[in-house]
Amino acid sequence: MFIWDWFTGVLGYLGIRVPVCRGRFAVLGLPYSGRHSLVKVALDERLIDPIAVSAKPSEELSIGNMRFTTFDLGGHTQARRVWKDYFPAVDAIVFLVDASDRSRLPESKAELDALLTDEQLSACPVLVLGNKIDKPGAASEDELRNFFNLYGQTTGKGKLSRSDIPGRPLELFMCSVLKRQGYGEGFRWLAQYID
């Protein structure tokens, strides 16, 4: 990221504009799935105790030439009730799953299924991040694809034109927010579907 920012800065200095992708994302998932930590790590702050939740509901993020406004809406049952209120204001959904907490996978699946069947989000790109792959016993990508019934629904991790996709763009990327791995590829995939 540092090299990209430096490179785009040099190009900007020379008067060469690099296109910037802008979008508004709702960052969703169950408690302790890594939502808040993802936003904080992307802001280049150090990881924090997941109990210490910020009072700010939105943050501005920058990854390379992508600029995002994120809404970290919380994952507790009461917070999930207001998710729908934000749907008209977002360009994409980022849904985090704690791949190491197998006991909560059914609850995560129910929430993801509700998102994928919500009419307001019928064309909205959805990035699913299987987080905490650095923990022993974490589910593999194959396990999550099977459990969440994602086979046949996802676009693939390559670059596909929006017109070539019969439904919404949907893809799973495995990551470790703690190790700062995997989520950058997910955001780059997502950026290609933001107008």
N, C-alpha and C. Protein backbone atom coordinates (compact mmCIF):
# COMPACT_ATOMS: atom_id res chain seq x y z
N MET A 1 0.82 -1.18 0.00
CA MET A 1 0.00 0.00 0.00
C MET A 1 0.87 1.25 0.00
N PHE A 2 1.94 1.25 0.80
CA PHE A 2 2.82 2.41 0.88
C PHE A 2 3.41 2.70 -0.49
N ILE A 3 3.86 1.67 -1.20
CA ILE A 3 4.48 1.87 -2.51
C ILE A 3 3.46 2.44 -3.48
N TRP A 4 2.23 1.90 -3.46
CA TRP A 4 1.18 2.41 -4.34
C TRP A 4 0.89 3.88 -4.05
N ASP A 5 0.75 4.22 -2.78
CA ASP A 5 0.48 5.61 -2.40
C ASP A 5 1.62 6.53 -2.84
N TRP A 6 2.85 6.07 -2.67
CA TRP A 6 4.01 6.86 -3.10
C TRP A 6 3.97 7.03 -4.62
N PHE A 7 3.72 5.94 -5.34
CA PHE A 7 3.69 5.97 -6.80
C PHE A 7 2.60 6.91 -7.30
N THR A 8 1.39 6.80 -6.74
CA THR A 8 0.30 7.68 -7.18
C THR A 8 0.59 9.13 -6.80
N GLY A 9 1.30 9.34 -5.69
CA GLY A 9 1.70 10.69 -5.30
C GLY A 9 2.66 11.30 -6.30
N VAL A 10 3.62 10.51 -6.76
CA VAL A 10 4.58 10.98 -7.78
C VAL A 10 3.84 11.30 -9.07
N LEU A 11 2.94 10.41 -9.49
CA LEU A 11 2.17 10.66 -10.71
C LEU A 11 1.33 11.94 -10.57
N GLY A 12 0.73 12.13 -9.40
CA GLY A 12 -0.06 13.34 -9.15
C GLY A 12 0.80 14.58 -9.23
N TYR A 13 2.01 14.51 -8.68
CA TYR A 13 2.95 15.63 -8.73
C TYR A 13 3.28 15.99 -10.18
N LEU A 14 3.37 14.96 -11.02
CA LEU A 14 3.69 15.16 -12.43
C LEU A 14 2.45 15.58 -13.24
N GLY A 15 1.31 15.66 -12.58
CA GLY A 15 0.09 16.08 -13.28
C GLY A 15 -0.67 14.94 -13.91
N ILE A 16 -0.28 13.71 -13.63
CA ILE A 16 -0.97 12.54 -14.18
C ILE A 16 -1.96 12.05 -13.13
N ARG A 17 -3.22 12.09 -13.46
CA ARG A 17 -4.25 11.67 -12.51
C ARG A 17 -4.45 10.16 -12.54
N VAL A 18 -4.50 9.58 -11.38
CA VAL A 18 -4.81 8.16 -11.24
C VAL A 18 -6.26 8.08 -10.81
N PRO A 19 -7.09 7.30 -11.55
CA PRO A 19 -8.50 7.24 -11.17
C PRO A 19 -8.67 6.70 -9.76
N VAL A 20 -9.61 7.30 -9.05
CA VAL A 20 -9.88 6.89 -7.68
C VAL A 20 -11.25 6.25 -7.63
N CYS A 21 -11.33 5.08 -7.05
CA CYS A 21 -12.60 4.40 -6.85
C CYS A 21 -13.14 4.85 -5.50
N ARG A 22 -14.39 5.30 -5.49
CA ARG A 22 -15.02 5.73 -4.25
C ARG A 22 -16.26 4.89 -4.01
N GLY A 23 -16.52 4.58 -2.75
CA GLY A 23 -17.71 3.81 -2.43
C GLY A 23 -18.08 3.92 -0.97
N ARG A 24 -19.28 3.48 -0.66
CA ARG A 24 -19.79 3.44 0.71
C ARG A 24 -20.14 1.99 1.03
N PHE A 25 -19.51 1.45 2.08
CA PHE A 25 -19.68 0.05 2.44
C PHE A 25 -20.28 -0.08 3.82
N ALA A 26 -21.16 -1.04 3.99
CA ALA A 26 -21.60 -1.45 5.32
C ALA A 26 -20.74 -2.64 5.71
N VAL A 27 -20.06 -2.55 6.83
CA VAL A 27 -19.22 -3.64 7.34
C VAL A 27 -20.05 -4.36 8.39
N LEU A 28 -20.46 -5.59 8.07
CA LEU A 28 -21.40 -6.33 8.89
C LEU A 28 -20.81 -7.66 9.33
N GLY A 29 -21.40 -8.25 10.34
CA GLY A 29 -21.00 -9.55 10.85
C GLY A 29 -21.37 -9.66 12.31
N LEU A 30 -21.26 -10.85 12.84
CA LEU A 30 -21.58 -11.08 14.24
C LEU A 30 -20.53 -10.41 15.14
N PRO A 31 -20.85 -10.26 16.43
CA PRO A 31 -19.85 -9.73 17.36
C PRO A 31 -18.57 -10.57 17.33
N TYR A 32 -17.46 -9.92 17.42
CA TYR A 32 -16.13 -10.55 17.47
C TYR A 32 -15.74 -11.26 16.16
N SER A 33 -16.40 -10.91 15.07
CA SER A 33 -16.02 -11.48 13.78
C SER A 33 -14.83 -10.75 13.18
N GLY A 34 -14.54 -9.54 13.68
CA GLY A 34 -13.41 -8.77 13.19
C GLY A 34 -13.81 -7.50 12.47
N ARG A 35 -15.08 -7.13 12.50
CA ARG A 35 -15.54 -5.92 11.79
C ARG A 35 -14.78 -4.68 12.24
N HIS A 36 -14.84 -4.43 13.52
CA HIS A 36 -14.23 -3.20 14.06
C HIS A 36 -12.71 -3.23 13.87
N SER A 37 -12.10 -4.37 14.10
CA SER A 37 -10.64 -4.47 13.92
C SER A 37 -10.25 -4.25 12.47
N LEU A 38 -11.05 -4.73 11.53
CA LEU A 38 -10.76 -4.52 10.12
C LEU A 38 -10.74 -3.03 9.80
N VAL A 39 -11.73 -2.31 10.28
CA VAL A 39 -11.78 -0.87 10.02
C VAL A 39 -10.57 -0.19 10.65
N LYS A 40 -10.24 -0.56 11.88
CA LYS A 40 -9.10 0.07 12.56
C LYS A 40 -7.77 -0.28 11.89
N VAL A 41 -7.61 -1.52 11.47
CA VAL A 41 -6.37 -1.91 10.80
C VAL A 41 -6.26 -1.19 9.46
N ALA A 42 -7.37 -1.09 8.75
CA ALA A 42 -7.35 -0.39 7.47
C ALA A 42 -7.04 1.09 7.66
N LEU A 43 -7.37 1.63 8.82
CA LEU A 43 -7.01 3.01 9.13
C LEU A 43 -5.55 3.11 9.57
N ASP A 44 -4.86 1.97 9.56
CA ASP A 44 -3.46 1.87 9.94
C ASP A 44 -3.23 2.19 11.41
N GLU A 45 -4.20 1.83 12.22
CA GLU A 45 -4.03 1.92 13.66
C GLU A 45 -3.71 0.52 14.13
N ARG A 46 -3.23 0.42 15.33
CA ARG A 46 -2.93 -0.92 15.81
C ARG A 46 -4.21 -1.60 16.25
N LEU A 47 -4.15 -2.92 16.28
CA LEU A 47 -5.31 -3.69 16.71
C LEU A 47 -5.70 -3.32 18.13
N ILE A 48 -6.98 -3.29 18.37
CA ILE A 48 -7.47 -2.91 19.69
C ILE A 48 -8.25 -4.05 20.31
N ASP A 49 -8.51 -3.93 21.58
CA ASP A 49 -9.34 -4.89 22.28
C ASP A 49 -10.74 -4.79 21.68
N PRO A 50 -11.35 -5.91 21.25
CA PRO A 50 -12.65 -5.83 20.60
C PRO A 50 -13.75 -5.28 21.50
N ILE A 51 -13.54 -5.20 22.79
CA ILE A 51 -14.53 -4.63 23.70
C ILE A 51 -14.58 -3.11 23.54
N ALA A 52 -13.44 -2.50 23.22
CA ALA A 52 -13.36 -1.04 23.12
C ALA A 52 -13.85 -0.59 21.75
N VAL A 53 -15.15 -0.45 21.60
CA VAL A 53 -15.75 -0.10 20.32
C VAL A 53 -15.86 1.41 20.19
N SER A 54 -15.49 1.91 19.04
CA SER A 54 -15.54 3.34 18.77
C SER A 54 -16.99 3.83 18.72
N ALA A 55 -17.19 5.07 19.10
CA ALA A 55 -18.51 5.67 19.02
C ALA A 55 -18.79 6.18 17.60
N LYS A 56 -17.78 6.21 16.75
CA LYS A 56 -17.96 6.69 15.38
C LYS A 56 -18.57 5.59 14.53
N PRO A 57 -19.74 5.84 13.93
CA PRO A 57 -20.35 4.79 13.10
C PRO A 57 -19.74 4.69 11.71
N SER A 58 -19.01 5.72 11.26
CA SER A 58 -18.42 5.64 9.93
C SER A 58 -16.98 6.11 9.96
N GLU A 59 -16.22 5.59 9.02
CA GLU A 59 -14.80 5.95 8.89
C GLU A 59 -14.48 6.08 7.41
N GLU A 60 -13.52 6.91 7.08
CA GLU A 60 -13.00 7.03 5.73
C GLU A 60 -11.76 6.16 5.63
N LEU A 61 -11.74 5.25 4.67
CA LEU A 61 -10.59 4.36 4.47
C LEU A 61 -9.97 4.61 3.11
N SER A 62 -8.70 4.27 3.00
CA SER A 62 -7.99 4.40 1.75
C SER A 62 -7.09 3.18 1.58
N ILE A 63 -7.29 2.47 0.48
CA ILE A 63 -6.41 1.34 0.13
C ILE A 63 -6.01 1.57 -1.31
N GLY A 64 -4.74 1.94 -1.54
CA GLY A 64 -4.28 2.24 -2.89
C GLY A 64 -5.10 3.38 -3.48
N ASN A 65 -5.70 3.16 -4.66
CA ASN A 65 -6.51 4.20 -5.29
C ASN A 65 -7.99 4.07 -4.94
N MET A 66 -8.29 3.35 -3.89
CA MET A 66 -9.67 3.17 -3.46
C MET A 66 -9.91 3.99 -2.21
N ARG A 67 -11.02 4.70 -2.19
CA ARG A 67 -11.43 5.50 -1.03
C ARG A 67 -12.83 5.04 -0.63
N PHE A 68 -12.98 4.63 0.62
CA PHE A 68 -14.24 4.09 1.08
C PHE A 68 -14.74 4.83 2.30
N THR A 69 -16.04 5.00 2.37
CA THR A 69 -16.68 5.38 3.62
C THR A 69 -17.28 4.08 4.14
N THR A 70 -16.90 3.69 5.32
CA THR A 70 -17.41 2.44 5.88
C THR A 70 -18.34 2.74 7.05
N PHE A 71 -19.36 1.93 7.15
CA PHE A 71 -20.29 2.00 8.27
C PHE A 71 -20.13 0.71 9.05
N ASP A 72 -19.48 0.76 10.20
CA ASP A 72 -19.32 -0.40 11.09
C ASP A 72 -20.55 -0.39 11.98
N LEU A 73 -21.53 -1.23 11.65
CA LEU A 73 -22.85 -1.13 12.26
C LEU A 73 -23.05 -2.02 13.47
N GLY A 74 -22.04 -2.71 13.91
CA GLY A 74 -22.21 -3.56 15.08
C GLY A 74 -22.82 -4.89 14.70
N GLY A 75 -22.67 -5.87 15.58
CA GLY A 75 -23.15 -7.21 15.25
C GLY A 75 -24.07 -7.82 16.28
N HIS A 76 -24.26 -7.15 17.40
CA HIS A 76 -25.16 -7.69 18.42
C HIS A 76 -26.59 -7.67 17.89
N THR A 77 -27.44 -8.48 18.47
CA THR A 77 -28.81 -8.64 17.99
C THR A 77 -29.52 -7.30 17.82
N GLN A 78 -29.42 -6.40 18.78
CA GLN A 78 -30.08 -5.10 18.66
C GLN A 78 -29.49 -4.28 17.52
N ALA A 79 -28.20 -4.32 17.34
CA ALA A 79 -27.56 -3.56 16.27
C ALA A 79 -27.98 -4.08 14.90
N ARG A 80 -28.21 -5.37 14.79
CA ARG A 80 -28.61 -5.95 13.50
C ARG A 80 -29.96 -5.44 13.04
N ARG A 81 -30.77 -4.98 13.96
CA ARG A 81 -32.10 -4.46 13.59
C ARG A 81 -31.99 -3.18 12.76
N VAL A 82 -30.91 -2.43 12.91
CA VAL A 82 -30.77 -1.18 12.15
C VAL A 82 -29.97 -1.34 10.86
N TRP A 83 -29.46 -2.52 10.59
CA TRP A 83 -28.70 -2.72 9.36
C TRP A 83 -29.49 -2.25 8.15
N LYS A 84 -30.76 -2.63 8.08
CA LYS A 84 -31.59 -2.30 6.92
C LYS A 84 -31.70 -0.79 6.69
N ASP A 85 -31.61 -0.02 7.75
CA ASP A 85 -31.71 1.43 7.61
C ASP A 85 -30.58 2.01 6.77
N TYR A 86 -29.45 1.32 6.72
CA TYR A 86 -28.28 1.80 5.98
C TYR A 86 -28.23 1.28 4.54
N PHE A 87 -29.01 0.27 4.21
CA PHE A 87 -28.91 -0.35 2.89
C PHE A 87 -29.06 0.63 1.73
N PRO A 88 -30.02 1.58 1.78
CA PRO A 88 -30.13 2.51 0.64
C PRO A 88 -28.90 3.41 0.47
N ALA A 89 -28.11 3.57 1.51
CA ALA A 89 -26.97 4.50 1.47
C ALA A 89 -25.65 3.83 1.08
N VAL A 90 -25.63 2.50 0.89
CA VAL A 90 -24.36 1.83 0.63
C VAL A 90 -24.27 1.31 -0.80
N ASP A 91 -23.03 1.22 -1.26
CA ASP A 91 -22.74 0.68 -2.59
C ASP A 91 -22.37 -0.79 -2.54
N ALA A 92 -21.99 -1.28 -1.36
CA ALA A 92 -21.56 -2.67 -1.22
C ALA A 92 -21.65 -3.10 0.24
N ILE A 93 -21.67 -4.41 0.44
CA ILE A 93 -21.68 -5.01 1.77
C ILE A 93 -20.39 -5.80 1.95
N VAL A 94 -19.74 -5.61 3.10
CA VAL A 94 -18.60 -6.43 3.50
C VAL A 94 -19.08 -7.20 4.72
N PHE A 95 -19.16 -8.53 4.60
CA PHE A 95 -19.68 -9.37 5.67
C PHE A 95 -18.56 -10.25 6.21
N LEU A 96 -18.24 -10.09 7.48
CA LEU A 96 -17.17 -10.87 8.10
C LEU A 96 -17.72 -12.08 8.83
N VAL A 97 -17.01 -13.18 8.68
CA VAL A 97 -17.34 -14.43 9.35
C VAL A 97 -16.12 -14.85 10.15
N ASP A 98 -16.31 -15.19 11.41
CA ASP A 98 -15.23 -15.73 12.23
C ASP A 98 -15.08 -17.20 11.87
N ALA A 99 -14.09 -17.50 11.04
CA ALA A 99 -13.88 -18.87 10.56
C ALA A 99 -13.40 -19.80 11.67
N SER A 100 -12.96 -19.23 12.78
CA SER A 100 -12.46 -20.07 13.87
C SER A 100 -13.55 -20.42 14.89
N ASP A 101 -14.70 -19.79 14.81
CA ASP A 101 -15.79 -20.05 15.76
C ASP A 101 -16.89 -20.84 15.05
N ARG A 102 -16.68 -22.14 14.95
CA ARG A 102 -17.61 -23.00 14.23
C ARG A 102 -19.00 -23.04 14.87
N SER A 103 -19.08 -22.80 16.18
CA SER A 103 -20.37 -22.85 16.86
C SER A 103 -21.30 -21.71 16.41
N ARG A 104 -20.73 -20.63 15.88
CA ARG A 104 -21.54 -19.49 15.46
C ARG A 104 -21.75 -19.42 13.95
N LEU A 105 -21.23 -20.41 13.22
CA LEU A 105 -21.42 -20.41 11.78
C LEU A 105 -22.90 -20.45 11.38
N PRO A 106 -23.76 -21.23 12.07
CA PRO A 106 -25.18 -21.21 11.69
C PRO A 106 -25.82 -19.82 11.84
N GLU A 107 -25.45 -19.11 12.89
CA GLU A 107 -25.98 -17.76 13.10
C GLU A 107 -25.46 -16.81 12.01
N SER A 108 -24.18 -16.95 11.64
CA SER A 108 -23.63 -16.14 10.55
C SER A 108 -24.33 -16.45 9.24
N LYS A 109 -24.58 -17.73 9.00
CA LYS A 109 -25.26 -18.12 7.76
C LYS A 109 -26.66 -17.52 7.70
N ALA A 110 -27.38 -17.53 8.80
CA ALA A 110 -28.73 -16.95 8.82
C ALA A 110 -28.68 -15.46 8.48
N GLU A 111 -27.71 -14.75 9.02
CA GLU A 111 -27.59 -13.32 8.74
C GLU A 111 -27.18 -13.06 7.29
N LEU A 112 -26.24 -13.85 6.77
CA LEU A 112 -25.83 -13.68 5.38
C LEU A 112 -26.99 -14.02 4.44
N ASP A 113 -27.71 -15.10 4.73
CA ASP A 113 -28.87 -15.46 3.91
C ASP A 113 -29.90 -14.33 3.89
N ALA A 114 -30.13 -13.70 5.04
CA ALA A 114 -31.07 -12.58 5.11
C ALA A 114 -30.59 -11.42 4.24
N LEU A 115 -29.30 -11.15 4.24
CA LEU A 115 -28.75 -10.08 3.40
C LEU A 115 -28.92 -10.41 1.92
N LEU A 116 -28.64 -11.66 1.57
CA LEU A 116 -28.67 -12.04 0.16
C LEU A 116 -30.09 -12.13 -0.40
N THR A 117 -31.09 -12.20 0.47
CA THR A 117 -32.47 -12.25 0.01
C THR A 117 -33.21 -10.93 0.19
N ASP A 118 -32.53 -9.93 0.71
CA ASP A 118 -33.16 -8.62 0.91
C ASP A 118 -33.26 -7.90 -0.43
N GLU A 119 -34.46 -7.47 -0.78
CA GLU A 119 -34.71 -6.81 -2.07
C GLU A 119 -33.88 -5.54 -2.25
N GLN A 120 -33.65 -4.80 -1.16
CA GLN A 120 -32.88 -3.57 -1.26
C GLN A 120 -31.45 -3.82 -1.72
N LEU A 121 -30.96 -5.04 -1.50
CA LEU A 121 -29.57 -5.37 -1.82
C LEU A 121 -29.46 -6.30 -3.03
N SER A 122 -30.51 -6.43 -3.81
CA SER A 122 -30.52 -7.43 -4.88
C SER A 122 -29.41 -7.24 -5.91
N ALA A 123 -28.96 -6.01 -6.12
CA ALA A 123 -27.87 -5.77 -7.07
C ALA A 123 -26.58 -5.33 -6.39
N CYS A 124 -26.59 -5.28 -5.06
CA CYS A 124 -25.46 -4.78 -4.29
C CYS A 124 -24.35 -5.84 -4.20
N PRO A 125 -23.11 -5.49 -4.58
CA PRO A 125 -22.01 -6.44 -4.43
C PRO A 125 -21.79 -6.81 -2.97
N VAL A 126 -21.47 -8.08 -2.74
CA VAL A 126 -21.24 -8.57 -1.38
C VAL A 126 -19.89 -9.27 -1.32
N LEU A 127 -19.03 -8.76 -0.45
CA LEU A 127 -17.73 -9.37 -0.18
C LEU A 127 -17.84 -10.08 1.16
N VAL A 128 -17.61 -11.39 1.16
CA VAL A 128 -17.61 -12.18 2.39
C VAL A 128 -16.15 -12.43 2.76
N LEU A 129 -15.78 -12.05 3.97
CA LEU A 129 -14.41 -12.28 4.44
C LEU A 129 -14.44 -13.35 5.53
N GLY A 130 -13.82 -14.48 5.25
CA GLY A 130 -13.65 -15.54 6.25
C GLY A 130 -12.43 -15.16 7.08
N ASN A 131 -12.65 -14.58 8.24
CA ASN A 131 -11.58 -14.02 9.06
C ASN A 131 -11.04 -15.03 10.07
N LYS A 132 -9.91 -14.70 10.63
CA LYS A 132 -9.24 -15.45 11.70
C LYS A 132 -8.71 -16.81 11.23
N ILE A 133 -8.25 -16.85 9.98
CA ILE A 133 -7.69 -18.09 9.46
C ILE A 133 -6.36 -18.43 10.11
N ASP A 134 -5.80 -17.49 10.87
CA ASP A 134 -4.54 -17.73 11.58
C ASP A 134 -4.76 -18.55 12.85
N LYS A 135 -6.00 -18.73 13.27
CA LYS A 135 -6.28 -19.48 14.49
C LYS A 135 -6.35 -20.97 14.21
N PRO A 136 -5.85 -21.80 15.14
CA PRO A 136 -5.93 -23.25 14.95
C PRO A 136 -7.39 -23.70 14.84
N GLY A 137 -7.64 -24.61 13.91
CA GLY A 137 -8.98 -25.17 13.75
C GLY A 137 -9.94 -24.31 12.96
N ALA A 138 -9.45 -23.22 12.38
CA ALA A 138 -10.33 -22.37 11.57
C ALA A 138 -10.82 -23.14 10.35
N ALA A 139 -12.04 -22.86 9.96
CA ALA A 139 -12.62 -23.49 8.77
C ALA A 139 -11.84 -23.05 7.53
N SER A 140 -11.74 -23.94 6.58
CA SER A 140 -11.06 -23.64 5.32
C SER A 140 -12.01 -22.91 4.37
N GLU A 141 -11.47 -22.40 3.29
CA GLU A 141 -12.32 -21.74 2.29
C GLU A 141 -13.36 -22.71 1.74
N ASP A 142 -12.94 -23.93 1.46
CA ASP A 142 -13.87 -24.94 0.95
C ASP A 142 -15.01 -25.20 1.93
N GLU A 143 -14.66 -25.32 3.22
CA GLU A 143 -15.69 -25.55 4.24
C GLU A 143 -16.69 -24.40 4.29
N LEU A 144 -16.19 -23.16 4.24
CA LEU A 144 -17.10 -22.01 4.29
C LEU A 144 -17.96 -21.93 3.04
N ARG A 145 -17.37 -22.19 1.88
CA ARG A 145 -18.17 -22.18 0.64
C ARG A 145 -19.30 -23.21 0.72
N ASN A 146 -18.99 -24.38 1.24
CA ASN A 146 -20.02 -25.42 1.39
C ASN A 146 -21.06 -25.01 2.42
N PHE A 147 -20.61 -24.59 3.59
CA PHE A 147 -21.53 -24.28 4.69
C PHE A 147 -22.47 -23.13 4.32
N PHE A 148 -21.94 -22.09 3.67
CA PHE A 148 -22.74 -20.93 3.31
C PHE A 148 -23.41 -21.07 1.94
N ASN A 149 -23.25 -22.25 1.34
CA ASN A 149 -23.87 -22.54 0.05
C ASN A 149 -23.48 -21.50 -1.01
N LEU A 150 -22.20 -21.23 -1.11
CA LEU A 150 -21.71 -20.20 -2.02
C LEU A 150 -21.31 -20.74 -3.40
N TYR A 151 -21.16 -22.07 -3.50
CA TYR A 151 -20.81 -22.63 -4.80
C TYR A 151 -21.93 -22.32 -5.79
N GLY A 152 -21.56 -21.85 -6.96
CA GLY A 152 -22.54 -21.52 -7.99
C GLY A 152 -23.12 -20.12 -7.84
N GLN A 153 -22.83 -19.44 -6.74
CA GLN A 153 -23.34 -18.07 -6.54
C GLN A 153 -22.25 -17.03 -6.69
N THR A 154 -20.99 -17.43 -6.54
CA THR A 154 -19.90 -16.46 -6.54
C THR A 154 -19.39 -16.20 -7.95
N THR A 155 -18.71 -15.07 -8.09
CA THR A 155 -18.25 -14.62 -9.40
C THR A 155 -16.87 -15.15 -9.77
N GLY A 156 -16.13 -15.62 -8.81
CA GLY A 156 -14.73 -15.95 -9.03
C GLY A 156 -13.89 -14.75 -8.65
N LYS A 157 -12.64 -14.98 -8.37
CA LYS A 157 -11.79 -13.92 -7.84
C LYS A 157 -11.12 -13.10 -8.92
N GLY A 158 -11.35 -13.45 -10.17
CA GLY A 158 -10.77 -12.68 -11.27
C GLY A 158 -11.62 -11.47 -11.60
N LYS A 159 -11.26 -10.83 -12.68
CA LYS A 159 -11.99 -9.63 -13.10
C LYS A 159 -13.06 -10.03 -14.11
N LEU A 160 -14.31 -9.88 -13.71
CA LEU A 160 -15.45 -10.14 -14.57
C LEU A 160 -16.23 -8.86 -14.73
N SER A 161 -16.64 -8.57 -15.92
CA SER A 161 -17.47 -7.39 -16.16
C SER A 161 -18.80 -7.55 -15.45
N ARG A 162 -19.33 -6.45 -14.95
CA ARG A 162 -20.63 -6.49 -14.25
C ARG A 162 -21.71 -7.05 -15.18
N SER A 163 -21.63 -6.75 -16.47
CA SER A 163 -22.63 -7.23 -17.43
C SER A 163 -22.53 -8.73 -17.66
N ASP A 164 -21.39 -9.34 -17.31
CA ASP A 164 -21.21 -10.79 -17.48
C ASP A 164 -21.72 -11.59 -16.28
N ILE A 165 -22.17 -10.88 -15.24
CA ILE A 165 -22.62 -11.55 -14.02
C ILE A 165 -24.14 -11.55 -14.01
N PRO A 166 -24.76 -12.74 -13.94
CA PRO A 166 -26.22 -12.80 -14.00
C PRO A 166 -26.91 -12.17 -12.78
N GLY A 167 -26.31 -12.23 -11.64
CA GLY A 167 -26.89 -11.64 -10.42
C GLY A 167 -25.95 -10.61 -9.85
N ARG A 168 -25.92 -10.53 -8.55
CA ARG A 168 -25.02 -9.59 -7.89
C ARG A 168 -23.61 -10.18 -7.82
N PRO A 169 -22.59 -9.33 -7.80
CA PRO A 169 -21.23 -9.82 -7.53
C PRO A 169 -21.17 -10.30 -6.08
N LEU A 170 -20.68 -11.51 -5.89
CA LEU A 170 -20.57 -12.12 -4.57
C LEU A 170 -19.32 -12.97 -4.57
N GLU A 171 -18.46 -12.79 -3.57
CA GLU A 171 -17.25 -13.61 -3.49
C GLU A 171 -16.79 -13.73 -2.05
N LEU A 172 -16.10 -14.83 -1.78
CA LEU A 172 -15.51 -15.14 -0.48
C LEU A 172 -14.00 -15.03 -0.59
N PHE A 173 -13.41 -14.30 0.34
CA PHE A 173 -11.96 -14.23 0.46
C PHE A 173 -11.62 -14.60 1.90
N MET A 174 -10.61 -15.41 2.08
CA MET A 174 -10.16 -15.79 3.41
C MET A 174 -9.12 -14.77 3.86
N CYS A 175 -9.15 -14.44 5.14
CA CYS A 175 -8.23 -13.41 5.61
C CYS A 175 -7.89 -13.59 7.09
N SER A 176 -6.91 -12.83 7.50
CA SER A 176 -6.58 -12.68 8.91
C SER A 176 -6.34 -11.20 9.12
N VAL A 177 -7.31 -10.55 9.76
CA VAL A 177 -7.15 -9.12 10.05
C VAL A 177 -5.94 -8.93 10.95
N LEU A 178 -5.77 -9.83 11.93
CA LEU A 178 -4.66 -9.76 12.86
C LEU A 178 -3.32 -9.78 12.13
N LYS A 179 -3.18 -10.64 11.14
CA LYS A 179 -1.93 -10.75 10.38
C LYS A 179 -1.90 -9.83 9.16
N ARG A 180 -2.98 -9.07 8.97
CA ARG A 180 -3.10 -8.14 7.84
C ARG A 180 -2.94 -8.84 6.50
N GLN A 181 -3.67 -9.94 6.33
CA GLN A 181 -3.58 -10.75 5.11
C GLN A 181 -4.97 -11.01 4.54
N GLY A 182 -5.07 -10.94 3.21
CA GLY A 182 -6.25 -11.41 2.51
C GLY A 182 -7.35 -10.40 2.26
N TYR A 183 -7.58 -9.49 3.17
CA TYR A 183 -8.70 -8.57 2.98
C TYR A 183 -8.43 -7.54 1.89
N GLY A 184 -7.16 -7.20 1.65
CA GLY A 184 -6.82 -6.25 0.58
C GLY A 184 -7.25 -6.77 -0.78
N GLU A 185 -7.02 -8.08 -1.02
CA GLU A 185 -7.45 -8.68 -2.29
C GLU A 185 -8.97 -8.62 -2.41
N GLY A 186 -9.64 -8.83 -1.28
CA GLY A 186 -11.10 -8.76 -1.28
C GLY A 186 -11.60 -7.36 -1.64
N PHE A 187 -10.98 -6.33 -1.06
CA PHE A 187 -11.39 -4.97 -1.36
C PHE A 187 -11.08 -4.60 -2.81
N ARG A 188 -9.94 -5.09 -3.34
CA ARG A 188 -9.63 -4.83 -4.75
C ARG A 188 -10.66 -5.50 -5.65
N TRP A 189 -11.08 -6.72 -5.31
CA TRP A 189 -12.13 -7.40 -6.08
C TRP A 189 -13.41 -6.57 -6.04
N LEU A 190 -13.77 -6.11 -4.86
CA LEU A 190 -15.00 -5.35 -4.67
C LEU A 190 -14.97 -4.03 -5.43
N ALA A 191 -13.83 -3.37 -5.48
CA ALA A 191 -13.71 -2.05 -6.11
C ALA A 191 -14.09 -2.09 -7.58
N GLN A 192 -13.88 -3.21 -8.25
CA GLN A 192 -14.20 -3.27 -9.69
C GLN A 192 -15.71 -3.22 -9.95
N TYR A 193 -16.53 -3.43 -8.91
CA TYR A 193 -17.99 -3.42 -9.08
C TYR A 193 -18.64 -2.18 -8.50
N ILE A 194 -17.86 -1.22 -8.08
CA ILE A 194 -18.41 0.02 -7.55
C ILE A 194 -18.40 1.05 -8.67
N ASP A 195 -19.55 1.62 -8.93
CA ASP A 195 -19.67 2.61 -10.01
C ASP A 195 -19.07 3.93 -9.63
